[in-house]
Amino acid sequence: MRKLLLLTIGFIFITPAHADMLGVRLSGGMFKYSLSGTVRDNAVSTQVFDVKNDLGWKDETKGMGYLYIEHPIPLIPNFRIGTIKDTSGKTATTTLSSTVPMLYGAVTIPIPGTGFKLAGDLTTTSYQNDNITDYMVRVRYDTDFALGVELGYRSLHIKYEDTGANEYANLDMKGPYLMATLSF
């Protein structure tokens, strides 16, 4: 289960796309999610636990943030680094982090003359029977002073199984988020 929790905390997302010029954007805010799913840990390898009913994990509001870096060099990937703060329950609290390389794609549609943009991101990785899929859709408003705000919906699905360690997880975190942005 530790490996699964490591996968959920820190992410690095890589894309082969490129920008017209160098750009950096920092985003930070709050993610109000509903949590559902099951886990099995090697300490009690014969039982699968529901994360809400058995472990006491609950729907929460946690901090999340991103750093986006885009550049005009076609063969070097752009990237996004992100994080979600840890979850806790009645039976356990954990603080773990890890880096998971993922494919990353994004689309942004500006609404002319308004400062508003419609956008969506999809990140995913899959290896053998394990996969992580994370998508966000949002409306973003950017000012002329490099500051902005975005309101969106995020869905994170994690399916993980380590048969050697007898660990398993099938988790979903879904809900709205609100973030401030700084672009330069």
N, C-alpha and C. Protein backbone atom coordinates (compact mmCIF):
# COMPACT_ATOMS: atom_id res chain seq x y z
N MET A 1 0.82 -1.18 0.00
CA MET A 1 0.00 0.00 0.00
C MET A 1 0.87 1.25 0.00
N ARG A 2 2.04 1.17 0.57
CA ARG A 2 2.93 2.33 0.58
C ARG A 2 3.29 2.75 -0.84
N LYS A 3 3.53 1.77 -1.72
CA LYS A 3 3.86 2.10 -3.09
C LYS A 3 2.70 2.84 -3.75
N LEU A 4 1.48 2.40 -3.49
CA LEU A 4 0.31 3.08 -4.04
C LEU A 4 0.22 4.51 -3.55
N LEU A 5 0.40 4.69 -2.26
CA LEU A 5 0.32 6.04 -1.71
C LEU A 5 1.43 6.92 -2.26
N LEU A 6 2.59 6.32 -2.50
CA LEU A 6 3.67 7.07 -3.13
C LEU A 6 3.25 7.56 -4.51
N LEU A 7 2.53 6.72 -5.24
CA LEU A 7 2.08 7.09 -6.59
C LEU A 7 1.08 8.23 -6.57
N THR A 8 0.27 8.33 -5.53
CA THR A 8 -0.81 9.31 -5.52
C THR A 8 -0.37 10.71 -5.15
N ILE A 9 0.75 10.88 -4.51
CA ILE A 9 1.11 12.18 -3.96
C ILE A 9 1.81 13.09 -4.98
N GLY A 10 2.90 12.65 -5.57
CA GLY A 10 3.66 13.52 -6.46
C GLY A 10 3.61 13.04 -7.89
N PHE A 11 3.53 13.94 -8.84
CA PHE A 11 3.45 13.57 -10.24
C PHE A 11 4.39 14.44 -11.07
N ILE A 12 4.99 13.84 -12.08
CA ILE A 12 5.64 14.62 -13.13
C ILE A 12 4.98 14.20 -14.43
N PHE A 13 4.55 15.16 -15.18
CA PHE A 13 3.83 14.91 -16.42
C PHE A 13 4.66 15.44 -17.58
N ILE A 14 4.85 14.64 -18.61
CA ILE A 14 5.71 15.01 -19.73
C ILE A 14 4.90 14.97 -21.02
N THR A 15 5.13 15.95 -21.90
CA THR A 15 4.43 16.00 -23.18
C THR A 15 5.42 16.34 -24.29
N PRO A 16 5.22 15.78 -25.50
CA PRO A 16 6.12 16.11 -26.60
C PRO A 16 5.75 17.41 -27.31
N ALA A 17 4.69 18.09 -26.91
CA ALA A 17 4.30 19.34 -27.54
C ALA A 17 5.29 20.44 -27.21
N HIS A 18 5.19 21.55 -27.94
CA HIS A 18 6.07 22.67 -27.65
C HIS A 18 5.29 23.98 -27.75
N ALA A 19 5.80 25.01 -27.12
CA ALA A 19 5.16 26.32 -27.12
C ALA A 19 5.84 27.22 -28.14
N ASP A 20 5.20 28.36 -28.45
CA ASP A 20 5.79 29.33 -29.36
C ASP A 20 6.89 30.14 -28.69
N MET A 21 6.82 30.27 -27.35
CA MET A 21 7.85 30.98 -26.60
C MET A 21 7.95 30.38 -25.21
N LEU A 22 8.95 30.80 -24.45
CA LEU A 22 9.14 30.28 -23.10
C LEU A 22 8.03 30.80 -22.19
N GLY A 23 7.43 29.90 -21.41
CA GLY A 23 6.38 30.30 -20.49
C GLY A 23 6.42 29.48 -19.22
N VAL A 24 6.12 30.13 -18.10
CA VAL A 24 6.07 29.46 -16.81
C VAL A 24 4.77 29.88 -16.14
N ARG A 25 4.06 28.91 -15.56
CA ARG A 25 2.84 29.21 -14.82
C ARG A 25 2.84 28.43 -13.51
N LEU A 26 2.58 29.12 -12.43
CA LEU A 26 2.41 28.51 -11.11
C LEU A 26 0.93 28.56 -10.77
N SER A 27 0.40 27.46 -10.27
CA SER A 27 -1.00 27.40 -9.85
C SER A 27 -1.07 26.76 -8.48
N GLY A 28 -1.92 27.29 -7.63
CA GLY A 28 -2.11 26.71 -6.31
C GLY A 28 -3.50 26.98 -5.80
N GLY A 29 -4.09 26.01 -5.12
CA GLY A 29 -5.43 26.20 -4.61
C GLY A 29 -5.93 25.00 -3.84
N MET A 30 -7.25 24.83 -3.86
CA MET A 30 -7.91 23.80 -3.07
C MET A 30 -8.72 22.86 -3.95
N PHE A 31 -8.69 21.57 -3.60
CA PHE A 31 -9.40 20.49 -4.30
C PHE A 31 -10.37 19.86 -3.31
N LYS A 32 -11.67 19.99 -3.55
CA LYS A 32 -12.70 19.41 -2.68
C LYS A 32 -13.15 18.11 -3.34
N TYR A 33 -12.68 16.99 -2.83
CA TYR A 33 -12.93 15.73 -3.52
C TYR A 33 -13.78 14.76 -2.73
N SER A 34 -14.46 13.89 -3.49
CA SER A 34 -15.11 12.71 -2.94
C SER A 34 -14.15 11.56 -3.18
N LEU A 35 -14.01 10.71 -2.21
CA LEU A 35 -13.08 9.59 -2.27
C LEU A 35 -13.86 8.30 -2.23
N SER A 36 -13.49 7.36 -3.09
CA SER A 36 -14.09 6.03 -3.04
C SER A 36 -13.06 5.01 -3.49
N GLY A 37 -13.27 3.76 -3.09
CA GLY A 37 -12.38 2.70 -3.54
C GLY A 37 -12.02 1.71 -2.45
N THR A 38 -11.14 0.79 -2.83
CA THR A 38 -10.71 -0.27 -1.93
C THR A 38 -9.20 -0.42 -1.98
N VAL A 39 -8.62 -0.93 -0.88
CA VAL A 39 -7.18 -1.20 -0.79
C VAL A 39 -6.97 -2.51 -0.04
N ARG A 40 -5.82 -3.12 -0.29
CA ARG A 40 -5.36 -4.28 0.48
C ARG A 40 -3.89 -4.06 0.76
N ASP A 41 -3.48 -4.31 1.98
CA ASP A 41 -2.09 -4.11 2.39
C ASP A 41 -1.49 -5.46 2.75
N ASN A 42 -0.18 -5.57 2.63
CA ASN A 42 0.46 -6.85 2.94
C ASN A 42 0.39 -7.21 4.41
N ALA A 43 0.09 -6.26 5.29
CA ALA A 43 -0.03 -6.57 6.71
C ALA A 43 -1.26 -7.44 6.99
N VAL A 44 -2.33 -7.25 6.20
CA VAL A 44 -3.55 -8.06 6.31
C VAL A 44 -3.91 -8.48 4.89
N SER A 45 -3.14 -9.39 4.35
CA SER A 45 -3.20 -9.70 2.92
C SER A 45 -4.44 -10.47 2.49
N THR A 46 -5.25 -10.92 3.41
CA THR A 46 -6.43 -11.68 3.03
C THR A 46 -7.69 -10.83 2.97
N GLN A 47 -7.60 -9.56 3.29
CA GLN A 47 -8.79 -8.73 3.36
C GLN A 47 -8.63 -7.47 2.52
N VAL A 48 -9.69 -7.12 1.79
CA VAL A 48 -9.75 -5.87 1.05
C VAL A 48 -10.56 -4.88 1.89
N PHE A 49 -10.05 -3.66 2.03
CA PHE A 49 -10.69 -2.65 2.86
C PHE A 49 -11.31 -1.56 2.01
N ASP A 50 -12.54 -1.19 2.32
CA ASP A 50 -13.16 -0.02 1.73
C ASP A 50 -12.56 1.20 2.42
N VAL A 51 -12.07 2.17 1.65
CA VAL A 51 -11.33 3.28 2.25
C VAL A 51 -12.20 4.17 3.14
N LYS A 52 -13.50 4.22 2.88
CA LYS A 52 -14.39 5.02 3.73
C LYS A 52 -14.94 4.20 4.89
N ASN A 53 -15.58 3.07 4.59
CA ASN A 53 -16.25 2.29 5.63
C ASN A 53 -15.29 1.60 6.59
N ASP A 54 -14.20 1.05 6.06
CA ASP A 54 -13.28 0.29 6.91
C ASP A 54 -12.12 1.12 7.47
N LEU A 55 -11.60 2.05 6.68
CA LEU A 55 -10.42 2.81 7.10
C LEU A 55 -10.76 4.21 7.62
N GLY A 56 -11.98 4.65 7.42
CA GLY A 56 -12.38 5.94 7.94
C GLY A 56 -11.89 7.13 7.13
N TRP A 57 -11.38 6.89 5.91
CA TRP A 57 -11.00 8.01 5.07
C TRP A 57 -12.28 8.73 4.68
N LYS A 58 -12.20 10.03 4.46
CA LYS A 58 -13.41 10.78 4.17
C LYS A 58 -13.18 11.77 3.05
N ASP A 59 -14.29 12.27 2.52
CA ASP A 59 -14.21 13.33 1.53
C ASP A 59 -13.58 14.54 2.21
N GLU A 60 -12.65 15.21 1.52
CA GLU A 60 -11.92 16.30 2.14
C GLU A 60 -11.66 17.42 1.15
N THR A 61 -11.17 18.50 1.66
CA THR A 61 -10.65 19.60 0.85
C THR A 61 -9.17 19.69 1.16
N LYS A 62 -8.35 19.51 0.13
CA LYS A 62 -6.89 19.51 0.30
C LYS A 62 -6.26 20.47 -0.68
N GLY A 63 -5.06 20.91 -0.36
CA GLY A 63 -4.31 21.78 -1.25
C GLY A 63 -3.75 21.01 -2.42
N MET A 64 -3.65 21.69 -3.56
CA MET A 64 -2.97 21.12 -4.73
C MET A 64 -2.30 22.25 -5.48
N GLY A 65 -1.25 21.92 -6.22
CA GLY A 65 -0.53 22.94 -6.95
C GLY A 65 0.22 22.36 -8.14
N TYR A 66 0.55 23.25 -9.08
CA TYR A 66 1.24 22.85 -10.30
C TYR A 66 2.27 23.89 -10.69
N LEU A 67 3.30 23.41 -11.38
CA LEU A 67 4.27 24.25 -12.07
C LEU A 67 4.29 23.77 -13.51
N TYR A 68 3.96 24.67 -14.43
CA TYR A 68 3.99 24.36 -15.86
C TYR A 68 5.17 25.09 -16.47
N ILE A 69 5.94 24.40 -17.31
CA ILE A 69 7.02 25.04 -18.05
C ILE A 69 6.88 24.63 -19.51
N GLU A 70 6.77 25.65 -20.37
CA GLU A 70 6.65 25.42 -21.81
C GLU A 70 7.76 26.18 -22.52
N HIS A 71 8.26 25.62 -23.61
CA HIS A 71 9.36 26.23 -24.34
C HIS A 71 9.20 25.95 -25.83
N PRO A 72 9.94 26.66 -26.67
CA PRO A 72 9.76 26.51 -28.12
C PRO A 72 10.64 25.45 -28.78
N ILE A 73 11.37 24.64 -28.04
CA ILE A 73 12.27 23.66 -28.64
C ILE A 73 11.48 22.38 -28.94
N PRO A 74 11.26 22.04 -30.23
CA PRO A 74 10.34 20.97 -30.60
C PRO A 74 10.68 19.57 -30.07
N LEU A 75 11.92 19.21 -29.94
CA LEU A 75 12.25 17.83 -29.56
C LEU A 75 12.40 17.62 -28.05
N ILE A 76 12.37 18.69 -27.28
CA ILE A 76 12.46 18.59 -25.83
C ILE A 76 11.06 18.78 -25.26
N PRO A 77 10.57 17.85 -24.44
CA PRO A 77 9.19 17.95 -23.96
C PRO A 77 8.95 19.10 -23.00
N ASN A 78 7.75 19.66 -23.07
CA ASN A 78 7.27 20.56 -22.02
C ASN A 78 6.95 19.69 -20.82
N PHE A 79 6.77 20.30 -19.65
CA PHE A 79 6.39 19.47 -18.52
C PHE A 79 5.56 20.21 -17.51
N ARG A 80 4.91 19.41 -16.68
CA ARG A 80 4.08 19.90 -15.59
C ARG A 80 4.41 19.07 -14.36
N ILE A 81 4.65 19.74 -13.25
CA ILE A 81 4.90 19.07 -11.98
C ILE A 81 3.75 19.44 -11.06
N GLY A 82 3.18 18.44 -10.38
CA GLY A 82 2.04 18.73 -9.52
C GLY A 82 2.07 17.94 -8.23
N THR A 83 1.24 18.37 -7.29
CA THR A 83 1.16 17.69 -6.01
C THR A 83 -0.25 17.80 -5.44
N ILE A 84 -0.62 16.82 -4.65
CA ILE A 84 -1.85 16.85 -3.85
C ILE A 84 -1.41 16.60 -2.42
N LYS A 85 -1.92 17.34 -1.41
CA LYS A 85 -1.60 17.10 0.00
C LYS A 85 -2.19 15.75 0.43
N ASP A 86 -1.68 14.80 1.58
CA ASP A 86 -1.98 13.45 2.05
C ASP A 86 -3.36 13.35 2.65
N THR A 87 -3.85 12.18 2.72
CA THR A 87 -5.15 11.95 3.32
C THR A 87 -4.96 11.17 4.61
N SER A 88 -5.97 11.22 5.49
CA SER A 88 -5.85 10.51 6.75
C SER A 88 -7.20 9.90 7.12
N GLY A 89 -7.18 8.93 7.99
CA GLY A 89 -8.39 8.27 8.42
C GLY A 89 -8.33 7.93 9.89
N LYS A 90 -9.32 7.17 10.34
CA LYS A 90 -9.38 6.79 11.75
C LYS A 90 -8.24 5.86 12.12
N THR A 91 -7.85 4.99 11.18
CA THR A 91 -6.90 3.95 11.53
C THR A 91 -5.46 4.28 11.20
N ALA A 92 -5.24 5.26 10.29
CA ALA A 92 -3.86 5.54 9.91
C ALA A 92 -3.75 6.92 9.28
N THR A 93 -2.60 7.50 9.46
CA THR A 93 -2.24 8.73 8.77
C THR A 93 -0.88 8.49 8.15
N THR A 94 -0.67 8.97 6.94
CA THR A 94 0.59 8.72 6.28
C THR A 94 1.06 9.96 5.54
N THR A 95 2.36 10.13 5.46
CA THR A 95 2.96 11.20 4.68
C THR A 95 4.01 10.57 3.79
N LEU A 96 3.71 10.46 2.52
CA LEU A 96 4.60 9.84 1.55
C LEU A 96 4.60 10.67 0.28
N SER A 97 5.67 10.56 -0.51
CA SER A 97 5.69 11.23 -1.80
C SER A 97 6.54 10.41 -2.76
N SER A 98 6.24 10.61 -4.04
CA SER A 98 6.96 9.91 -5.07
C SER A 98 6.80 10.66 -6.38
N THR A 99 7.60 10.32 -7.35
CA THR A 99 7.52 10.89 -8.68
C THR A 99 7.07 9.80 -9.64
N VAL A 100 6.05 10.13 -10.45
CA VAL A 100 5.53 9.17 -11.41
C VAL A 100 5.52 9.84 -12.78
N PRO A 101 6.32 9.38 -13.74
CA PRO A 101 6.27 9.96 -15.08
C PRO A 101 4.97 9.55 -15.76
N MET A 102 4.33 10.53 -16.41
CA MET A 102 3.05 10.28 -17.07
C MET A 102 3.01 11.03 -18.39
N LEU A 103 2.23 10.52 -19.33
CA LEU A 103 1.97 11.26 -20.56
C LEU A 103 0.98 12.36 -20.24
N TYR A 104 1.18 13.53 -20.84
CA TYR A 104 0.39 14.70 -20.51
C TYR A 104 -0.05 15.40 -21.80
N GLY A 105 -1.32 15.72 -21.89
CA GLY A 105 -1.86 16.46 -23.02
C GLY A 105 -2.82 17.52 -22.50
N ALA A 106 -2.85 18.65 -23.19
CA ALA A 106 -3.72 19.73 -22.75
C ALA A 106 -4.25 20.48 -23.95
N VAL A 107 -5.42 21.07 -23.77
CA VAL A 107 -5.99 21.93 -24.79
C VAL A 107 -6.56 23.16 -24.09
N THR A 108 -6.35 24.33 -24.71
CA THR A 108 -6.86 25.58 -24.18
C THR A 108 -7.54 26.33 -25.31
N ILE A 109 -8.76 26.80 -25.07
CA ILE A 109 -9.51 27.54 -26.06
C ILE A 109 -9.82 28.93 -25.49
N PRO A 110 -9.13 29.97 -25.99
CA PRO A 110 -9.41 31.31 -25.50
C PRO A 110 -10.76 31.81 -26.01
N ILE A 111 -11.47 32.55 -25.18
CA ILE A 111 -12.70 33.21 -25.60
C ILE A 111 -12.32 34.64 -25.92
N PRO A 112 -12.28 35.02 -27.20
CA PRO A 112 -11.73 36.31 -27.63
C PRO A 112 -12.37 37.50 -26.91
N GLY A 113 -11.50 38.43 -26.50
CA GLY A 113 -11.92 39.68 -25.90
C GLY A 113 -12.42 39.61 -24.47
N THR A 114 -12.31 38.44 -23.81
CA THR A 114 -12.87 38.30 -22.46
C THR A 114 -11.83 38.05 -21.39
N GLY A 115 -10.67 37.51 -21.74
CA GLY A 115 -9.70 37.08 -20.74
C GLY A 115 -9.98 35.67 -20.22
N PHE A 116 -11.13 35.09 -20.60
CA PHE A 116 -11.49 33.73 -20.18
C PHE A 116 -10.96 32.71 -21.17
N LYS A 117 -10.65 31.52 -20.63
CA LYS A 117 -10.21 30.39 -21.44
C LYS A 117 -10.90 29.13 -20.94
N LEU A 118 -11.31 28.27 -21.85
CA LEU A 118 -11.78 26.94 -21.52
C LEU A 118 -10.61 26.00 -21.72
N ALA A 119 -10.36 25.10 -20.79
CA ALA A 119 -9.18 24.26 -20.89
C ALA A 119 -9.44 22.87 -20.31
N GLY A 120 -8.61 21.94 -20.73
CA GLY A 120 -8.66 20.59 -20.19
C GLY A 120 -7.29 19.96 -20.26
N ASP A 121 -6.97 19.13 -19.27
CA ASP A 121 -5.71 18.38 -19.21
C ASP A 121 -6.04 16.91 -19.01
N LEU A 122 -5.25 16.06 -19.61
CA LEU A 122 -5.35 14.62 -19.38
C LEU A 122 -3.95 14.10 -19.16
N THR A 123 -3.75 13.38 -18.07
CA THR A 123 -2.48 12.72 -17.81
C THR A 123 -2.78 11.25 -17.53
N THR A 124 -1.89 10.40 -18.00
CA THR A 124 -2.13 8.97 -17.81
C THR A 124 -0.82 8.21 -17.87
N THR A 125 -0.82 7.09 -17.20
CA THR A 125 0.29 6.15 -17.30
C THR A 125 -0.28 4.75 -17.07
N SER A 126 0.34 3.78 -17.69
CA SER A 126 -0.11 2.40 -17.55
C SER A 126 1.08 1.48 -17.69
N TYR A 127 1.17 0.51 -16.80
CA TYR A 127 2.22 -0.50 -16.87
C TYR A 127 1.65 -1.80 -16.33
N GLN A 128 1.68 -2.82 -17.14
CA GLN A 128 1.08 -4.11 -16.81
C GLN A 128 -0.37 -3.88 -16.40
N ASN A 129 -0.76 -4.25 -15.19
CA ASN A 129 -2.15 -4.06 -14.76
C ASN A 129 -2.37 -2.77 -13.97
N ASP A 130 -1.34 -1.95 -13.83
CA ASP A 130 -1.44 -0.72 -13.05
C ASP A 130 -1.72 0.45 -14.00
N ASN A 131 -2.57 1.40 -13.54
CA ASN A 131 -2.74 2.61 -14.33
C ASN A 131 -3.22 3.75 -13.44
N ILE A 132 -2.86 4.94 -13.89
CA ILE A 132 -3.30 6.18 -13.25
C ILE A 132 -3.83 7.07 -14.36
N THR A 133 -5.03 7.60 -14.18
CA THR A 133 -5.60 8.55 -15.12
C THR A 133 -6.10 9.74 -14.33
N ASP A 134 -5.71 10.92 -14.77
CA ASP A 134 -6.05 12.16 -14.08
C ASP A 134 -6.48 13.17 -15.13
N TYR A 135 -7.71 13.69 -15.01
CA TYR A 135 -8.11 14.75 -15.95
C TYR A 135 -8.70 15.92 -15.20
N MET A 136 -8.56 17.09 -15.81
CA MET A 136 -9.12 18.32 -15.26
C MET A 136 -9.76 19.10 -16.41
N VAL A 137 -10.93 19.65 -16.17
CA VAL A 137 -11.57 20.59 -17.09
C VAL A 137 -11.83 21.85 -16.29
N ARG A 138 -11.70 23.03 -16.96
CA ARG A 138 -11.77 24.27 -16.19
C ARG A 138 -12.10 25.48 -17.05
N VAL A 139 -12.47 26.53 -16.35
CA VAL A 139 -12.58 27.86 -16.90
C VAL A 139 -11.52 28.69 -16.19
N ARG A 140 -10.68 29.38 -16.96
CA ARG A 140 -9.61 30.18 -16.38
C ARG A 140 -9.74 31.62 -16.83
N TYR A 141 -9.49 32.54 -15.93
CA TYR A 141 -9.47 33.96 -16.27
C TYR A 141 -8.08 34.49 -15.98
N ASP A 142 -7.47 35.11 -16.99
CA ASP A 142 -6.14 35.70 -16.84
C ASP A 142 -6.23 37.21 -16.96
N THR A 143 -5.61 37.93 -16.03
CA THR A 143 -5.57 39.39 -16.10
C THR A 143 -4.37 39.81 -16.94
N ASP A 144 -4.26 41.10 -17.20
CA ASP A 144 -3.11 41.64 -17.91
C ASP A 144 -1.88 41.74 -17.02
N PHE A 145 -2.01 41.42 -15.74
CA PHE A 145 -0.93 41.57 -14.76
C PHE A 145 -0.34 40.24 -14.32
N ALA A 146 -0.46 39.21 -15.15
CA ALA A 146 0.12 37.87 -14.91
C ALA A 146 -0.61 37.06 -13.86
N LEU A 147 -1.66 37.60 -13.26
CA LEU A 147 -2.44 36.86 -12.27
C LEU A 147 -3.69 36.30 -12.90
N GLY A 148 -4.17 35.21 -12.34
CA GLY A 148 -5.39 34.61 -12.85
C GLY A 148 -6.05 33.74 -11.81
N VAL A 149 -7.20 33.21 -12.19
CA VAL A 149 -7.93 32.30 -11.32
C VAL A 149 -8.59 31.25 -12.21
N GLU A 150 -8.69 30.03 -11.70
CA GLU A 150 -9.37 28.98 -12.45
C GLU A 150 -10.27 28.17 -11.55
N LEU A 151 -11.43 27.81 -12.10
CA LEU A 151 -12.42 26.98 -11.43
C LEU A 151 -12.63 25.77 -12.31
N GLY A 152 -12.54 24.58 -11.72
CA GLY A 152 -12.65 23.39 -12.55
C GLY A 152 -13.11 22.16 -11.80
N TYR A 153 -13.07 21.04 -12.51
CA TYR A 153 -13.44 19.74 -11.98
C TYR A 153 -12.28 18.79 -12.28
N ARG A 154 -11.93 17.97 -11.29
CA ARG A 154 -10.82 17.04 -11.43
C ARG A 154 -11.26 15.63 -11.09
N SER A 155 -10.75 14.65 -11.83
CA SER A 155 -11.01 13.24 -11.56
C SER A 155 -9.68 12.49 -11.63
N LEU A 156 -9.33 11.82 -10.54
CA LEU A 156 -8.10 11.04 -10.45
C LEU A 156 -8.47 9.59 -10.14
N HIS A 157 -8.06 8.66 -11.01
CA HIS A 157 -8.32 7.24 -10.80
C HIS A 157 -6.98 6.51 -10.73
N ILE A 158 -6.84 5.67 -9.70
CA ILE A 158 -5.61 4.90 -9.51
C ILE A 158 -5.97 3.43 -9.36
N LYS A 159 -5.40 2.60 -10.21
CA LYS A 159 -5.53 1.15 -10.09
C LYS A 159 -4.11 0.60 -9.98
N TYR A 160 -3.85 -0.09 -8.87
CA TYR A 160 -2.50 -0.55 -8.57
C TYR A 160 -2.57 -1.95 -7.96
N GLU A 161 -1.65 -2.81 -8.40
CA GLU A 161 -1.58 -4.14 -7.79
C GLU A 161 -0.13 -4.62 -7.80
N ASP A 162 0.34 -5.01 -6.64
CA ASP A 162 1.66 -5.61 -6.49
C ASP A 162 1.44 -7.00 -5.93
N THR A 163 1.39 -7.99 -6.81
CA THR A 163 1.09 -9.35 -6.36
C THR A 163 2.19 -9.92 -5.48
N GLY A 164 3.44 -9.50 -5.70
CA GLY A 164 4.54 -9.98 -4.86
C GLY A 164 4.41 -9.52 -3.42
N ALA A 165 3.96 -8.28 -3.23
CA ALA A 165 3.80 -7.74 -1.88
C ALA A 165 2.36 -7.90 -1.39
N ASN A 166 1.50 -8.44 -2.24
CA ASN A 166 0.09 -8.64 -1.92
C ASN A 166 -0.60 -7.32 -1.57
N GLU A 167 -0.27 -6.27 -2.33
CA GLU A 167 -0.88 -4.96 -2.15
C GLU A 167 -1.78 -4.66 -3.35
N TYR A 168 -2.86 -3.93 -3.10
CA TYR A 168 -3.84 -3.66 -4.14
C TYR A 168 -4.56 -2.36 -3.82
N ALA A 169 -4.93 -1.61 -4.84
CA ALA A 169 -5.75 -0.41 -4.63
C ALA A 169 -6.53 -0.11 -5.90
N ASN A 170 -7.74 0.35 -5.71
CA ASN A 170 -8.59 0.83 -6.78
C ASN A 170 -9.29 2.07 -6.21
N LEU A 171 -8.76 3.26 -6.49
CA LEU A 171 -9.20 4.49 -5.84
C LEU A 171 -9.66 5.54 -6.84
N ASP A 172 -10.65 6.32 -6.42
CA ASP A 172 -11.13 7.46 -7.21
C ASP A 172 -11.22 8.68 -6.30
N MET A 173 -10.71 9.80 -6.80
CA MET A 173 -10.85 11.10 -6.13
C MET A 173 -11.43 12.04 -7.18
N LYS A 174 -12.63 12.59 -6.91
CA LYS A 174 -13.31 13.43 -7.89
C LYS A 174 -13.92 14.63 -7.20
N GLY A 175 -13.90 15.78 -7.87
CA GLY A 175 -14.58 16.94 -7.33
C GLY A 175 -14.10 18.24 -7.90
N PRO A 176 -14.70 19.35 -7.45
CA PRO A 176 -14.33 20.67 -7.95
C PRO A 176 -13.06 21.20 -7.30
N TYR A 177 -12.43 22.15 -7.98
CA TYR A 177 -11.26 22.81 -7.41
C TYR A 177 -11.25 24.28 -7.80
N LEU A 178 -10.51 25.06 -7.04
CA LEU A 178 -10.34 26.49 -7.30
C LEU A 178 -8.86 26.82 -7.06
N MET A 179 -8.23 27.48 -8.05
CA MET A 179 -6.81 27.81 -7.92
C MET A 179 -6.52 29.22 -8.42
N ALA A 180 -5.53 29.83 -7.81
CA ALA A 180 -4.97 31.09 -8.30
C ALA A 180 -3.78 30.75 -9.18
N THR A 181 -3.51 31.57 -10.20
CA THR A 181 -2.39 31.32 -11.11
C THR A 181 -1.52 32.56 -11.24
N LEU A 182 -0.25 32.31 -11.52
CA LEU A 182 0.71 33.34 -11.80
C LEU A 182 1.48 32.90 -13.05
N SER A 183 1.38 33.67 -14.12
CA SER A 183 2.02 33.31 -15.39
C SER A 183 3.05 34.36 -15.78
N PHE A 184 4.20 33.90 -16.24
CA PHE A 184 5.23 34.82 -16.75
C PHE A 184 6.07 34.11 -17.77
